[in-house]
């Protein structure tokens, strides 16, 4: 476990201990709180002794995302008792439902645009972020977001939900996407661990076909023109790495029938045991299927990745989004 994460966990446990101690002092009888205080003290002792994060049964490291979700965990997944396993399964199921509720509706519509996306978690929850926000009035652009939080599992899904809340709250104050990205970066950086970051594309597509992108270290979006294929490379660092990062805008234009395609690295890093899927395959498929509708284009990618893996399971979340200018 990175030292910075351990320092953060220790500070959170110390804060929790102070609050529990204060609450117990105000109550005449608080056996539950007293027991919890004992667990917090035991966790702090494990940090001091260098055994924190080690399973007490098998002595292997406990899963990082579970520790970040519950600082008091003592055993790894393999050694949970049946009651603990059922409780964890219920928590994961609830987290999955909450996360799915944050996705944009399947029938998102914007004047003159055809839109489709596919959100495919590797497990019950995902660190991928996918969002679509149509303009509130006629003539306003469609805002689209594709992101990928570092790490996997519960911790990554919690940060994905945090990003969703950040962008939806900040967009009412920052209309320019470069300022919105910079402000979201600052708040994400100040409110999360130094070991956590997220790659992200924030864009807006105007009714006249103008597309503006801020790419914070994410996989390059693909612009499928009538006869050419272009990509939009990063204009800034991933968010959360440095609090004062600034972002530039890349602007292009799509004509009727042309498409913007976005994806997370779960697509390009799909591995069949010999090689990764890679950006070249992403570009080649877009080139050979340039006239497909967004839904059909996404189906083509899913089918191509499945054939590439030849039955091997994927190893990461992946999310795809396609937006075509129809008129």
C-alpha atoms as a PDB file:
ATOM      1  CA  UNK A   1       0.000   0.000   0.000  1.00  0.00           C
ATOM      2  CA  UNK A   2       1.443   3.454  -0.924  1.00  0.00           C
ATOM      3  CA  UNK A   3       2.723   5.445   2.069  1.00  0.00           C
ATOM      4  CA  UNK A   4       0.474   8.406   1.187  1.00  0.00           C
ATOM      5  CA  UNK A   5      -2.609   6.167   1.383  1.00  0.00           C
ATOM      6  CA  UNK A   6      -1.551   4.783   4.763  1.00  0.00           C
ATOM      7  CA  UNK A   7      -0.996   8.317   6.095  1.00  0.00           C
ATOM      8  CA  UNK A   8      -4.480   9.289   4.891  1.00  0.00           C
ATOM      9  CA  UNK A   9      -6.099   6.229   6.512  1.00  0.00           C
ATOM     10  CA  UNK A  10      -4.298   6.915   9.790  1.00  0.00           C
ATOM     11  CA  UNK A  11      -5.525  10.521   9.847  1.00  0.00           C
ATOM     12  CA  UNK A  12      -9.090   9.413   9.130  1.00  0.00           C
ATOM     13  CA  UNK A  13      -8.967   6.817  11.914  1.00  0.00           C
ATOM     14  CA  UNK A  14      -7.590   9.407  14.349  1.00  0.00           C
ATOM     15  CA  UNK A  15     -10.410  11.802  13.436  1.00  0.00           C
ATOM     16  CA  UNK A  16     -12.934   8.997  13.871  1.00  0.00           C
ATOM     17  CA  UNK A  17     -11.448   8.173  17.286  1.00  0.00           C
ATOM     18  CA  UNK A  18     -11.784  11.761  18.488  1.00  0.00           C
ATOM     19  CA  UNK A  19     -15.438  11.888  17.416  1.00  0.00           C
ATOM     20  CA  UNK A  20     -16.237   8.551  19.056  1.00  0.00           C
ATOM     21  CA  UNK A  21     -14.480   9.536  22.258  1.00  0.00           C
ATOM     22  CA  UNK A  22     -16.475  12.774  22.361  1.00  0.00           C
ATOM     23  CA  UNK A  23     -19.774  10.986  21.686  1.00  0.00           C
ATOM     24  CA  UNK A  24     -19.106   8.356  24.367  1.00  0.00           C
ATOM     25  CA  UNK A  25     -18.349  11.118  26.887  1.00  0.00           C
ATOM     26  CA  UNK A  26     -21.770  12.665  26.257  1.00  0.00           C
ATOM     27  CA  UNK A  27     -23.685   9.395  26.692  1.00  0.00           C
ATOM     28  CA  UNK A  28     -24.176   7.442  29.890  1.00  0.00           C
ATOM     29  CA  UNK A  29     -24.397   4.068  28.145  1.00  0.00           C
ATOM     30  CA  UNK A  30     -22.975   3.491  24.675  1.00  0.00           C
ATOM     31  CA  UNK A  31     -21.707  -0.108  24.349  1.00  0.00           C
ATOM     32  CA  UNK A  32     -21.854  -0.053  20.537  1.00  0.00           C
ATOM     33  CA  UNK A  33     -19.743   3.091  20.354  1.00  0.00           C
ATOM     34  CA  UNK A  34     -17.305   1.714  22.915  1.00  0.00           C
ATOM     35  CA  UNK A  35     -16.891  -1.442  20.836  1.00  0.00           C
ATOM     36  CA  UNK A  36     -16.339   0.609  17.684  1.00  0.00           C
ATOM     37  CA  UNK A  37     -13.751   2.728  19.487  1.00  0.00           C
ATOM     38  CA  UNK A  38     -11.917  -0.478  20.376  1.00  0.00           C
ATOM     39  CA  UNK A  39     -11.878  -1.492  16.692  1.00  0.00           C
ATOM     40  CA  UNK A  40     -10.498   1.922  15.701  1.00  0.00           C
ATOM     41  CA  UNK A  41      -7.767   1.659  18.356  1.00  0.00           C
ATOM     42  CA  UNK A  42      -6.887  -1.834  17.140  1.00  0.00           C
ATOM     43  CA  UNK A  43      -6.581  -0.546  13.554  1.00  0.00           C
ATOM     44  CA  UNK A  44      -4.291   2.293  14.703  1.00  0.00           C
ATOM     45  CA  UNK A  45      -2.153  -0.249  16.590  1.00  0.00           C
ATOM     46  CA  UNK A  46      -1.849  -2.353  13.419  1.00  0.00           C
ATOM     47  CA  UNK A  47      -0.633   0.719  11.524  1.00  0.00           C
ATOM     48  CA  UNK A  48       2.011   1.368  14.185  1.00  0.00           C
ATOM     49  CA  UNK A  49       3.154  -2.267  14.187  1.00  0.00           C
ATOM     50  CA  UNK A  50       3.275  -2.482  10.379  1.00  0.00           C
ATOM     51  CA  UNK A  51       0.584  -5.179  10.126  1.00  0.00           C
ATOM     52  CA  UNK A  52      -2.254  -2.977   8.866  1.00  0.00           C
ATOM     53  CA  UNK A  53      -3.808  -4.276   5.641  1.00  0.00           C
ATOM     54  CA  UNK A  54      -2.580  -7.844   6.228  1.00  0.00           C
ATOM     55  CA  UNK A  55      -5.199 -10.599   6.466  1.00  0.00           C
ATOM     56  CA  UNK A  56      -5.197 -12.073   9.977  1.00  0.00           C
ATOM     57  CA  UNK A  57      -5.988 -15.530   8.584  1.00  0.00           C
ATOM     58  CA  UNK A  58      -3.730 -16.063   5.566  1.00  0.00           C
ATOM     59  CA  UNK A  59      -1.308 -13.125   6.147  1.00  0.00           C
ATOM     60  CA  UNK A  60      -1.631 -11.937   2.529  1.00  0.00           C
ATOM     61  CA  UNK A  61      -2.518  -8.307   1.688  1.00  0.00           C
ATOM     62  CA  UNK A  62      -6.193  -7.355   1.939  1.00  0.00           C
ATOM     63  CA  UNK A  63      -7.748  -5.891  -1.218  1.00  0.00           C
ATOM     64  CA  UNK A  64      -6.981  -2.128  -1.372  1.00  0.00           C
ATOM     65  CA  UNK A  65     -10.435  -1.111  -2.566  1.00  0.00           C
ATOM     66  CA  UNK A  66     -12.052  -2.897   0.394  1.00  0.00           C
ATOM     67  CA  UNK A  67      -9.709  -1.168   2.833  1.00  0.00           C
ATOM     68  CA  UNK A  68     -10.554   2.195   1.301  1.00  0.00           C
ATOM     69  CA  UNK A  69     -14.269   1.431   1.705  1.00  0.00           C
ATOM     70  CA  UNK A  70     -13.875   0.194   5.303  1.00  0.00           C
ATOM     71  CA  UNK A  71     -10.705   1.064   7.242  1.00  0.00           C
ATOM     72  CA  UNK A  72     -11.443  -1.548   9.928  1.00  0.00           C
ATOM     73  CA  UNK A  73     -11.354  -4.677   7.743  1.00  0.00           C
ATOM     74  CA  UNK A  74      -9.096  -7.440   9.110  1.00  0.00           C
ATOM     75  CA  UNK A  75      -9.435 -10.302   6.594  1.00  0.00           C
ATOM     76  CA  UNK A  76      -9.337 -10.691   2.822  1.00  0.00           C
ATOM     77  CA  UNK A  77     -12.291 -11.785   0.723  1.00  0.00           C
ATOM     78  CA  UNK A  78     -11.279 -15.453   0.861  1.00  0.00           C
ATOM     79  CA  UNK A  79     -11.725 -15.552   4.633  1.00  0.00           C
ATOM     80  CA  UNK A  80     -15.035 -13.789   5.184  1.00  0.00           C
ATOM     81  CA  UNK A  81     -17.574 -15.856   7.081  1.00  0.00           C
ATOM     82  CA  UNK A  82     -20.928 -16.627   5.353  1.00  0.00           C
ATOM     83  CA  UNK A  83     -22.708 -13.700   7.043  1.00  0.00           C
ATOM     84  CA  UNK A  84     -19.958 -11.276   6.017  1.00  0.00           C
ATOM     85  CA  UNK A  85     -20.033 -12.595   2.450  1.00  0.00           C
ATOM     86  CA  UNK A  86     -23.800 -12.060   2.184  1.00  0.00           C
ATOM     87  CA  UNK A  87     -23.452  -8.559   3.626  1.00  0.00           C
ATOM     88  CA  UNK A  88     -20.718  -7.679   1.125  1.00  0.00           C
ATOM     89  CA  UNK A  89     -22.751  -9.087  -1.771  1.00  0.00           C
ATOM     90  CA  UNK A  90     -25.727  -6.951  -0.727  1.00  0.00           C
ATOM     91  CA  UNK A  91     -23.530  -3.849  -0.460  1.00  0.00           C
ATOM     92  CA  UNK A  92     -22.062  -4.474  -3.918  1.00  0.00           C
ATOM     93  CA  UNK A  93     -25.501  -5.024  -5.407  1.00  0.00           C
ATOM     94  CA  UNK A  94     -26.724  -1.743  -3.921  1.00  0.00           C
ATOM     95  CA  UNK A  95     -23.586   0.083  -5.111  1.00  0.00           C
ATOM     96  CA  UNK A  96     -24.116  -1.331  -8.601  1.00  0.00           C
ATOM     97  CA  UNK A  97     -27.729  -0.116  -8.701  1.00  0.00           C
ATOM     98  CA  UNK A  98     -26.708   3.337  -7.497  1.00  0.00           C
ATOM     99  CA  UNK A  99     -23.979   3.551 -10.113  1.00  0.00           C
ATOM    100  CA  UNK A 100     -26.276   2.435 -12.938  1.00  0.00           C
ATOM    101  CA  UNK A 101     -28.750   5.129 -11.876  1.00  0.00           C
ATOM    102  CA  UNK A 102     -26.043   7.754 -12.514  1.00  0.00           C
ATOM    103  CA  UNK A 103     -25.730   6.778 -16.175  1.00  0.00           C
ATOM    104  CA  UNK A 104     -27.503   8.942 -18.757  1.00  0.00           C
ATOM    105  CA  UNK A 105     -30.835   7.621 -20.048  1.00  0.00           C
ATOM    106  CA  UNK A 106     -30.606   5.342 -23.078  1.00  0.00           C
ATOM    107  CA  UNK A 107     -32.954   7.638 -24.973  1.00  0.00           C
ATOM    108  CA  UNK A 108     -30.966  10.869 -24.561  1.00  0.00           C
ATOM    109  CA  UNK A 109     -31.838  13.048 -27.523  1.00  0.00           C
ATOM    110  CA  UNK A 110     -30.441  16.263 -28.935  1.00  0.00           C
ATOM    111  CA  UNK A 111     -31.538  18.088 -32.059  1.00  0.00           C
ATOM    112  CA  UNK A 112     -29.899  16.652 -35.171  1.00  0.00           C
ATOM    113  CA  UNK A 113     -27.841  14.021 -33.283  1.00  0.00           C
ATOM    114  CA  UNK A 114     -27.909  10.244 -32.953  1.00  0.00           C
ATOM    115  CA  UNK A 115     -26.392   8.982 -29.694  1.00  0.00           C
ATOM    116  CA  UNK A 116     -25.519   5.562 -28.250  1.00  0.00           C
ATOM    117  CA  UNK A 117     -23.270   4.240 -25.501  1.00  0.00           C
ATOM    118  CA  UNK A 118     -22.320   0.922 -23.927  1.00  0.00           C
ATOM    119  CA  UNK A 119     -21.256   0.681 -20.278  1.00  0.00           C
ATOM    120  CA  UNK A 120     -19.664  -2.665 -19.473  1.00  0.00           C
ATOM    121  CA  UNK A 121     -18.259  -3.073 -15.919  1.00  0.00           C
ATOM    122  CA  UNK A 122     -15.761  -5.866 -15.357  1.00  0.00           C
ATOM    123  CA  UNK A 123     -17.358  -6.591 -11.965  1.00  0.00           C
ATOM    124  CA  UNK A 124     -20.382  -5.352  -9.998  1.00  0.00           C
ATOM    125  CA  UNK A 125     -19.108  -1.748 -10.027  1.00  0.00           C
ATOM    126  CA  UNK A 126     -16.905   0.297 -12.333  1.00  0.00           C
ATOM    127  CA  UNK A 127     -14.466   3.200 -12.308  1.00  0.00           C
ATOM    128  CA  UNK A 128     -15.568   4.372 -15.769  1.00  0.00           C
ATOM    129  CA  UNK A 129     -17.530   7.619 -16.075  1.00  0.00           C
ATOM    130  CA  UNK A 130     -19.961   8.200 -18.928  1.00  0.00           C
ATOM    131  CA  UNK A 131     -22.263  11.214 -19.152  1.00  0.00           C
ATOM    132  CA  UNK A 132     -24.448  13.095 -21.630  1.00  0.00           C
ATOM    133  CA  UNK A 133     -26.052  16.459 -20.850  1.00  0.00           C
ATOM    134  CA  UNK A 134     -28.264  17.974 -23.582  1.00  0.00           C
ATOM    135  CA  UNK A 135     -28.634  21.740 -23.726  1.00  0.00           C
ATOM    136  CA  UNK A 136     -31.482  23.170 -21.686  1.00  0.00           C
ATOM    137  CA  UNK A 137     -32.604  25.390 -24.546  1.00  0.00           C
ATOM    138  CA  UNK A 138     -32.665  25.110 -28.337  1.00  0.00           C
ATOM    139  CA  UNK A 139     -29.321  25.963 -29.909  1.00  0.00           C
ATOM    140  CA  UNK A 140     -27.256  24.981 -26.863  1.00  0.00           C
ATOM    141  CA  UNK A 141     -24.585  22.284 -27.292  1.00  0.00           C
ATOM    142  CA  UNK A 142     -24.694  18.694 -26.096  1.00  0.00           C
ATOM    143  CA  UNK A 143     -22.095  18.157 -23.359  1.00  0.00           C
ATOM    144  CA  UNK A 144     -20.485  14.708 -23.276  1.00  0.00           C
ATOM    145  CA  UNK A 145     -18.027  13.190 -20.806  1.00  0.00           C
ATOM    146  CA  UNK A 146     -15.959  10.013 -20.885  1.00  0.00           C
ATOM    147  CA  UNK A 147     -13.663   9.232 -17.970  1.00  0.00           C
ATOM    148  CA  UNK A 148     -11.715   6.488 -16.235  1.00  0.00           C
ATOM    149  CA  UNK A 149     -10.701   6.580 -12.569  1.00  0.00           C
ATOM    150  CA  UNK A 150      -7.397   4.946 -11.623  1.00  0.00           C
ATOM    151  CA  UNK A 151      -7.814   1.610  -9.890  1.00  0.00           C
ATOM    152  CA  UNK A 152     -10.720  -0.798  -9.838  1.00  0.00           C
ATOM    153  CA  UNK A 153     -13.553  -1.974  -7.645  1.00  0.00           C
ATOM    154  CA  UNK A 154     -15.383  -0.177  -4.866  1.00  0.00           C
ATOM    155  CA  UNK A 155     -12.903   2.661  -4.339  1.00  0.00           C
ATOM    156  CA  UNK A 156     -12.849   3.508  -8.071  1.00  0.00           C
ATOM    157  CA  UNK A 157     -16.659   3.416  -8.236  1.00  0.00           C
ATOM    158  CA  UNK A 158     -16.903   5.803  -5.281  1.00  0.00           C
ATOM    159  CA  UNK A 159     -14.577   8.241  -7.035  1.00  0.00           C
ATOM    160  CA  UNK A 160     -16.578   7.871 -10.252  1.00  0.00           C
ATOM    161  CA  UNK A 161     -19.708   8.910  -8.316  1.00  0.00           C
ATOM    162  CA  UNK A 162     -17.744  11.825  -6.845  1.00  0.00           C
ATOM    163  CA  UNK A 163     -16.783  12.997 -10.339  1.00  0.00           C
ATOM    164  CA  UNK A 164     -20.387  12.763 -11.502  1.00  0.00           C
ATOM    165  CA  UNK A 165     -21.497  14.998  -8.629  1.00  0.00           C
ATOM    166  CA  UNK A 166     -18.644  17.447  -9.240  1.00  0.00           C
ATOM    167  CA  UNK A 167     -19.400  18.020 -12.917  1.00  0.00           C
ATOM    168  CA  UNK A 168     -23.146  18.292 -12.440  1.00  0.00           C
ATOM    169  CA  UNK A 169     -22.726  20.885  -9.699  1.00  0.00           C
ATOM    170  CA  UNK A 170     -19.968  22.902 -11.369  1.00  0.00           C
ATOM    171  CA  UNK A 171     -21.474  23.127 -14.860  1.00  0.00           C
ATOM    172  CA  UNK A 172     -24.039  25.616 -13.541  1.00  0.00           C
ATOM    173  CA  UNK A 173     -21.176  27.987 -12.683  1.00  0.00           C
ATOM    174  CA  UNK A 174     -18.669  27.274 -15.468  1.00  0.00           C
ATOM    175  CA  UNK A 175     -19.920  27.222 -19.058  1.00  0.00           C
ATOM    176  CA  UNK A 176     -16.531  27.185 -20.816  1.00  0.00           C
ATOM    177  CA  UNK A 177     -15.371  23.564 -20.813  1.00  0.00           C
ATOM    178  CA  UNK A 178     -11.703  24.435 -20.235  1.00  0.00           C
ATOM    179  CA  UNK A 179     -12.649  26.334 -17.060  1.00  0.00           C
ATOM    180  CA  UNK A 180     -15.046  23.585 -15.989  1.00  0.00           C
ATOM    181  CA  UNK A 181     -12.297  20.959 -16.370  1.00  0.00           C
ATOM    182  CA  UNK A 182      -9.772  23.091 -14.459  1.00  0.00           C
ATOM    183  CA  UNK A 183     -12.188  23.713 -11.597  1.00  0.00           C
ATOM    184  CA  UNK A 184     -13.228  20.061 -11.409  1.00  0.00           C
ATOM    185  CA  UNK A 185      -9.539  19.096 -11.385  1.00  0.00           C
ATOM    186  CA  UNK A 186      -8.819  21.434  -8.489  1.00  0.00           C
ATOM    187  CA  UNK A 187     -11.726  20.183  -6.371  1.00  0.00           C
ATOM    188  CA  UNK A 188     -11.042  16.518  -7.179  1.00  0.00           C
ATOM    189  CA  UNK A 189      -7.346  16.979  -6.345  1.00  0.00           C
ATOM    190  CA  UNK A 190      -8.130  18.662  -3.026  1.00  0.00           C
ATOM    191  CA  UNK A 191     -10.735  16.094  -1.952  1.00  0.00           C
ATOM    192  CA  UNK A 192      -9.066  12.768  -2.834  1.00  0.00           C
ATOM    193  CA  UNK A 193      -5.861  10.879  -2.107  1.00  0.00           C
ATOM    194  CA  UNK A 194      -2.721  11.897  -3.953  1.00  0.00           C
ATOM    195  CA  UNK A 195      -2.537   8.379  -5.389  1.00  0.00           C
ATOM    196  CA  UNK A 196      -5.879   8.733  -7.181  1.00  0.00           C
ATOM    197  CA  UNK A 197      -6.494  10.452 -10.503  1.00  0.00           C
ATOM    198  CA  UNK A 198      -8.786  10.158 -13.498  1.00  0.00           C
ATOM    199  CA  UNK A 199      -8.331  10.510 -17.235  1.00  0.00           C
ATOM    200  CA  UNK A 200     -11.199  12.299 -18.914  1.00  0.00           C
ATOM    201  CA  UNK A 201     -12.585  13.821 -22.090  1.00  0.00           C
ATOM    202  CA  UNK A 202     -15.005  16.708 -21.681  1.00  0.00           C
ATOM    203  CA  UNK A 203     -16.598  17.952 -24.876  1.00  0.00           C
ATOM    204  CA  UNK A 204     -19.465  19.856 -26.380  1.00  0.00           C
ATOM    205  CA  UNK A 205     -21.099  19.387 -29.767  1.00  0.00           C
ATOM    206  CA  UNK A 206     -22.905  22.405 -31.203  1.00  0.00           C
ATOM    207  CA  UNK A 207     -25.874  22.269 -33.615  1.00  0.00           C
ATOM    208  CA  UNK A 208     -23.675  23.554 -36.469  1.00  0.00           C
ATOM    209  CA  UNK A 209     -21.320  20.573 -36.068  1.00  0.00           C
ATOM    210  CA  UNK A 210     -18.595  22.392 -34.136  1.00  0.00           C
ATOM    211  CA  UNK A 211     -17.031  20.089 -31.522  1.00  0.00           C
ATOM    212  CA  UNK A 212     -14.844  21.396 -28.688  1.00  0.00           C
ATOM    213  CA  UNK A 213     -12.726  18.997 -26.608  1.00  0.00           C
ATOM    214  CA  UNK A 214     -10.726  19.105 -23.401  1.00  0.00           C
ATOM    215  CA  UNK A 215      -8.744  15.883 -23.128  1.00  0.00           C
ATOM    216  CA  UNK A 216      -7.253  15.281 -19.671  1.00  0.00           C
ATOM    217  CA  UNK A 217      -4.847  12.461 -20.486  1.00  0.00           C
ATOM    218  CA  UNK A 218      -7.585  10.175 -21.834  1.00  0.00           C
ATOM    219  CA  UNK A 219      -7.650   7.822 -24.828  1.00  0.00           C
ATOM    220  CA  UNK A 220      -7.878  10.026 -27.939  1.00  0.00           C
ATOM    221  CA  UNK A 221     -11.449  10.417 -29.237  1.00  0.00           C
ATOM    222  CA  UNK A 222     -11.880   9.341 -32.854  1.00  0.00           C
ATOM    223  CA  UNK A 223     -13.510  11.674 -35.379  1.00  0.00           C
ATOM    224  CA  UNK A 224     -14.990   9.640 -38.221  1.00  0.00           C
ATOM    225  CA  UNK A 225     -15.216  11.996 -41.206  1.00  0.00           C
ATOM    226  CA  UNK A 226     -16.564  11.075 -44.608  1.00  0.00           C
ATOM    227  CA  UNK A 227     -13.183  10.008 -46.019  1.00  0.00           C
ATOM    228  CA  UNK A 228     -10.682  10.467 -43.164  1.00  0.00           C
ATOM    229  CA  UNK A 229     -10.180   9.519 -39.518  1.00  0.00           C
ATOM    230  CA  UNK A 230      -8.828  12.041 -36.992  1.00  0.00           C
ATOM    231  CA  UNK A 231      -7.969  11.780 -33.288  1.00  0.00           C
ATOM    232  CA  UNK A 232      -8.007  14.335 -30.478  1.00  0.00           C
ATOM    233  CA  UNK A 233      -4.981  13.935 -28.229  1.00  0.00           C
ATOM    234  CA  UNK A 234      -4.536  15.146 -24.658  1.00  0.00           C
ATOM    235  CA  UNK A 235      -4.595  18.872 -23.953  1.00  0.00           C
ATOM    236  CA  UNK A 236      -3.736  18.491 -20.252  1.00  0.00           C
ATOM    237  CA  UNK A 237      -2.809  16.069 -17.489  1.00  0.00           C
ATOM    238  CA  UNK A 238      -5.267  13.639 -15.882  1.00  0.00           C
ATOM    239  CA  UNK A 239      -7.378  15.332 -13.253  1.00  0.00           C
ATOM    240  CA  UNK A 240      -6.300  14.942  -9.656  1.00  0.00           C
ATOM    241  CA  UNK A 241      -2.552  14.805 -10.360  1.00  0.00           C
ATOM    242  CA  UNK A 242      -1.798  18.519  -9.796  1.00  0.00           C
ATOM    243  CA  UNK A 243      -4.330  20.953  -8.382  1.00  0.00           C
ATOM    244  CA  UNK A 244      -3.384  23.926 -10.603  1.00  0.00           C
ATOM    245  CA  UNK A 245      -3.453  22.238 -14.026  1.00  0.00           C
ATOM    246  CA  UNK A 246      -4.824  24.290 -16.921  1.00  0.00           C
ATOM    247  CA  UNK A 247      -6.509  22.808 -20.003  1.00  0.00           C
ATOM    248  CA  UNK A 248      -6.598  23.856 -23.634  1.00  0.00           C
ATOM    249  CA  UNK A 249      -9.447  23.289 -26.047  1.00  0.00           C
ATOM    250  CA  UNK A 250      -9.134  21.470 -29.347  1.00  0.00           C
ATOM    251  CA  UNK A 251     -11.839  22.383 -31.846  1.00  0.00           C
ATOM    252  CA  UNK A 252     -12.998  20.581 -34.954  1.00  0.00           C
ATOM    253  CA  UNK A 253     -16.157  20.221 -36.988  1.00  0.00           C
ATOM    254  CA  UNK A 254     -18.247  17.289 -38.176  1.00  0.00           C
ATOM    255  CA  UNK A 255     -20.561  17.287 -41.174  1.00  0.00           C
ATOM    256  CA  UNK A 256     -23.895  15.446 -41.388  1.00  0.00           C
ATOM    257  CA  UNK A 257     -23.247  11.695 -41.312  1.00  0.00           C
ATOM    258  CA  UNK A 258     -19.955  12.036 -39.410  1.00  0.00           C
ATOM    259  CA  UNK A 259     -19.341  10.610 -35.936  1.00  0.00           C
ATOM    260  CA  UNK A 260     -17.460  11.242 -32.682  1.00  0.00           C
ATOM    261  CA  UNK A 261     -16.373   7.977 -31.028  1.00  0.00           C
ATOM    262  CA  UNK A 262     -15.053   7.800 -27.451  1.00  0.00           C
ATOM    263  CA  UNK A 263     -13.862   4.897 -25.325  1.00  0.00           C
ATOM    264  CA  UNK A 264     -11.986   3.952 -22.154  1.00  0.00           C
ATOM    265  CA  UNK A 265      -8.731   2.008 -22.076  1.00  0.00           C
ATOM    266  CA  UNK A 266     -10.528  -1.217 -21.200  1.00  0.00           C
ATOM    267  CA  UNK A 267     -11.074  -1.424 -24.972  1.00  0.00           C
ATOM    268  CA  UNK A 268      -7.499  -0.841 -26.151  1.00  0.00           C
ATOM    269  CA  UNK A 269      -5.962  -2.857 -23.287  1.00  0.00           C
ATOM    270  CA  UNK A 270      -8.103  -5.950 -23.883  1.00  0.00           C
ATOM    271  CA  UNK A 271      -5.540  -8.749 -24.102  1.00  0.00           C
ATOM    272  CA  UNK A 272      -5.914 -12.152 -25.772  1.00  0.00           C
ATOM    273  CA  UNK A 273      -2.821 -13.563 -24.075  1.00  0.00           C
ATOM    274  CA  UNK A 274      -0.482 -12.539 -26.859  1.00  0.00           C
ATOM    275  CA  UNK A 275      -1.204  -8.876 -27.575  1.00  0.00           C
ATOM    276  CA  UNK A 276      -3.470  -5.968 -26.694  1.00  0.00           C
ATOM    277  CA  UNK A 277      -6.358  -4.805 -28.869  1.00  0.00           C
ATOM    278  CA  UNK A 278      -4.637  -1.439 -29.285  1.00  0.00           C
ATOM    279  CA  UNK A 279      -5.400   1.908 -30.906  1.00  0.00           C
ATOM    280  CA  UNK A 280      -4.612   0.684 -34.417  1.00  0.00           C
ATOM    281  CA  UNK A 281      -7.567  -1.726 -34.291  1.00  0.00           C
ATOM    282  CA  UNK A 282      -9.798   1.045 -32.945  1.00  0.00           C
ATOM    283  CA  UNK A 283      -8.863   3.241 -35.909  1.00  0.00           C
ATOM    284  CA  UNK A 284      -9.138   0.460 -38.482  1.00  0.00           C
ATOM    285  CA  UNK A 285     -12.626  -0.562 -37.393  1.00  0.00           C
ATOM    286  CA  UNK A 286     -13.826   3.057 -37.379  1.00  0.00           C
ATOM    287  CA  UNK A 287     -12.423   3.462 -40.882  1.00  0.00           C
ATOM    288  CA  UNK A 288     -14.117   0.335 -42.246  1.00  0.00           C
ATOM    289  CA  UNK A 289     -17.470   1.021 -40.534  1.00  0.00           C
ATOM    290  CA  UNK A 290     -17.687   4.783 -41.018  1.00  0.00           C
ATOM    291  CA  UNK A 291     -21.277   4.717 -42.311  1.00  0.00           C
ATOM    292  CA  UNK A 292     -22.803   2.746 -39.410  1.00  0.00           C
ATOM    293  CA  UNK A 293     -25.243   4.301 -36.963  1.00  0.00           C
ATOM    294  CA  UNK A 294     -23.884   4.924 -33.433  1.00  0.00           C
ATOM    295  CA  UNK A 295     -25.636   1.833 -32.042  1.00  0.00           C
ATOM    296  CA  UNK A 296     -24.379  -0.381 -34.870  1.00  0.00           C
ATOM    297  CA  UNK A 297     -20.849   1.014 -34.590  1.00  0.00           C
ATOM    298  CA  UNK A 298     -20.752   0.158 -30.882  1.00  0.00           C
ATOM    299  CA  UNK A 299     -22.103  -3.329 -31.615  1.00  0.00           C
ATOM    300  CA  UNK A 300     -19.315  -3.751 -34.167  1.00  0.00           C
ATOM    301  CA  UNK A 301     -16.668  -2.885 -31.564  1.00  0.00           C
ATOM    302  CA  UNK A 302     -18.156  -5.221 -28.956  1.00  0.00           C
ATOM    303  CA  UNK A 303     -18.256  -8.039 -31.508  1.00  0.00           C
ATOM    304  CA  UNK A 304     -14.715  -7.347 -32.704  1.00  0.00           C
ATOM    305  CA  UNK A 305     -13.304  -7.337 -29.147  1.00  0.00           C
ATOM    306  CA  UNK A 306     -15.145 -10.569 -28.378  1.00  0.00           C
ATOM    307  CA  UNK A 307     -13.636 -12.218 -31.466  1.00  0.00           C
ATOM    308  CA  UNK A 308     -10.200 -10.818 -30.570  1.00  0.00           C
ATOM    309  CA  UNK A 309     -10.371 -12.294 -27.059  1.00  0.00           C
ATOM    310  CA  UNK A 310     -11.486 -15.682 -28.420  1.00  0.00           C
ATOM    311  CA  UNK A 311     -13.425 -16.551 -25.311  1.00  0.00           C
ATOM    312  CA  UNK A 312     -10.944 -15.139 -22.776  1.00  0.00           C
ATOM    313  CA  UNK A 313     -12.605 -12.931 -20.144  1.00  0.00           C
ATOM    314  CA  UNK A 314     -11.852  -9.216 -20.213  1.00  0.00           C
ATOM    315  CA  UNK A 315      -9.699  -7.810 -17.426  1.00  0.00           C
ATOM    316  CA  UNK A 316     -11.110  -4.292 -17.077  1.00  0.00           C
ATOM    317  CA  UNK A 317     -14.220  -2.142 -17.382  1.00  0.00           C
ATOM    318  CA  UNK A 318     -14.798  -0.622 -20.773  1.00  0.00           C
ATOM    319  CA  UNK A 319     -17.182   2.014 -21.991  1.00  0.00           C
ATOM    320  CA  UNK A 320     -17.966   3.136 -25.541  1.00  0.00           C
ATOM    321  CA  UNK A 321     -19.865   6.173 -26.823  1.00  0.00           C
ATOM    322  CA  UNK A 322     -20.731   7.272 -30.354  1.00  0.00           C
ATOM    323  CA  UNK A 323     -22.425  10.526 -31.396  1.00  0.00           C
ATOM    324  CA  UNK A 324     -23.336  11.121 -35.035  1.00  0.00           C
ATOM    325  CA  UNK A 325     -24.509  14.338 -36.612  1.00  0.00           C
ATOM    326  CA  UNK A 326     -27.587  13.314 -38.554  1.00  0.00           C
ATOM    327  CA  UNK A 327     -28.490  16.698 -40.009  1.00  0.00           C
END
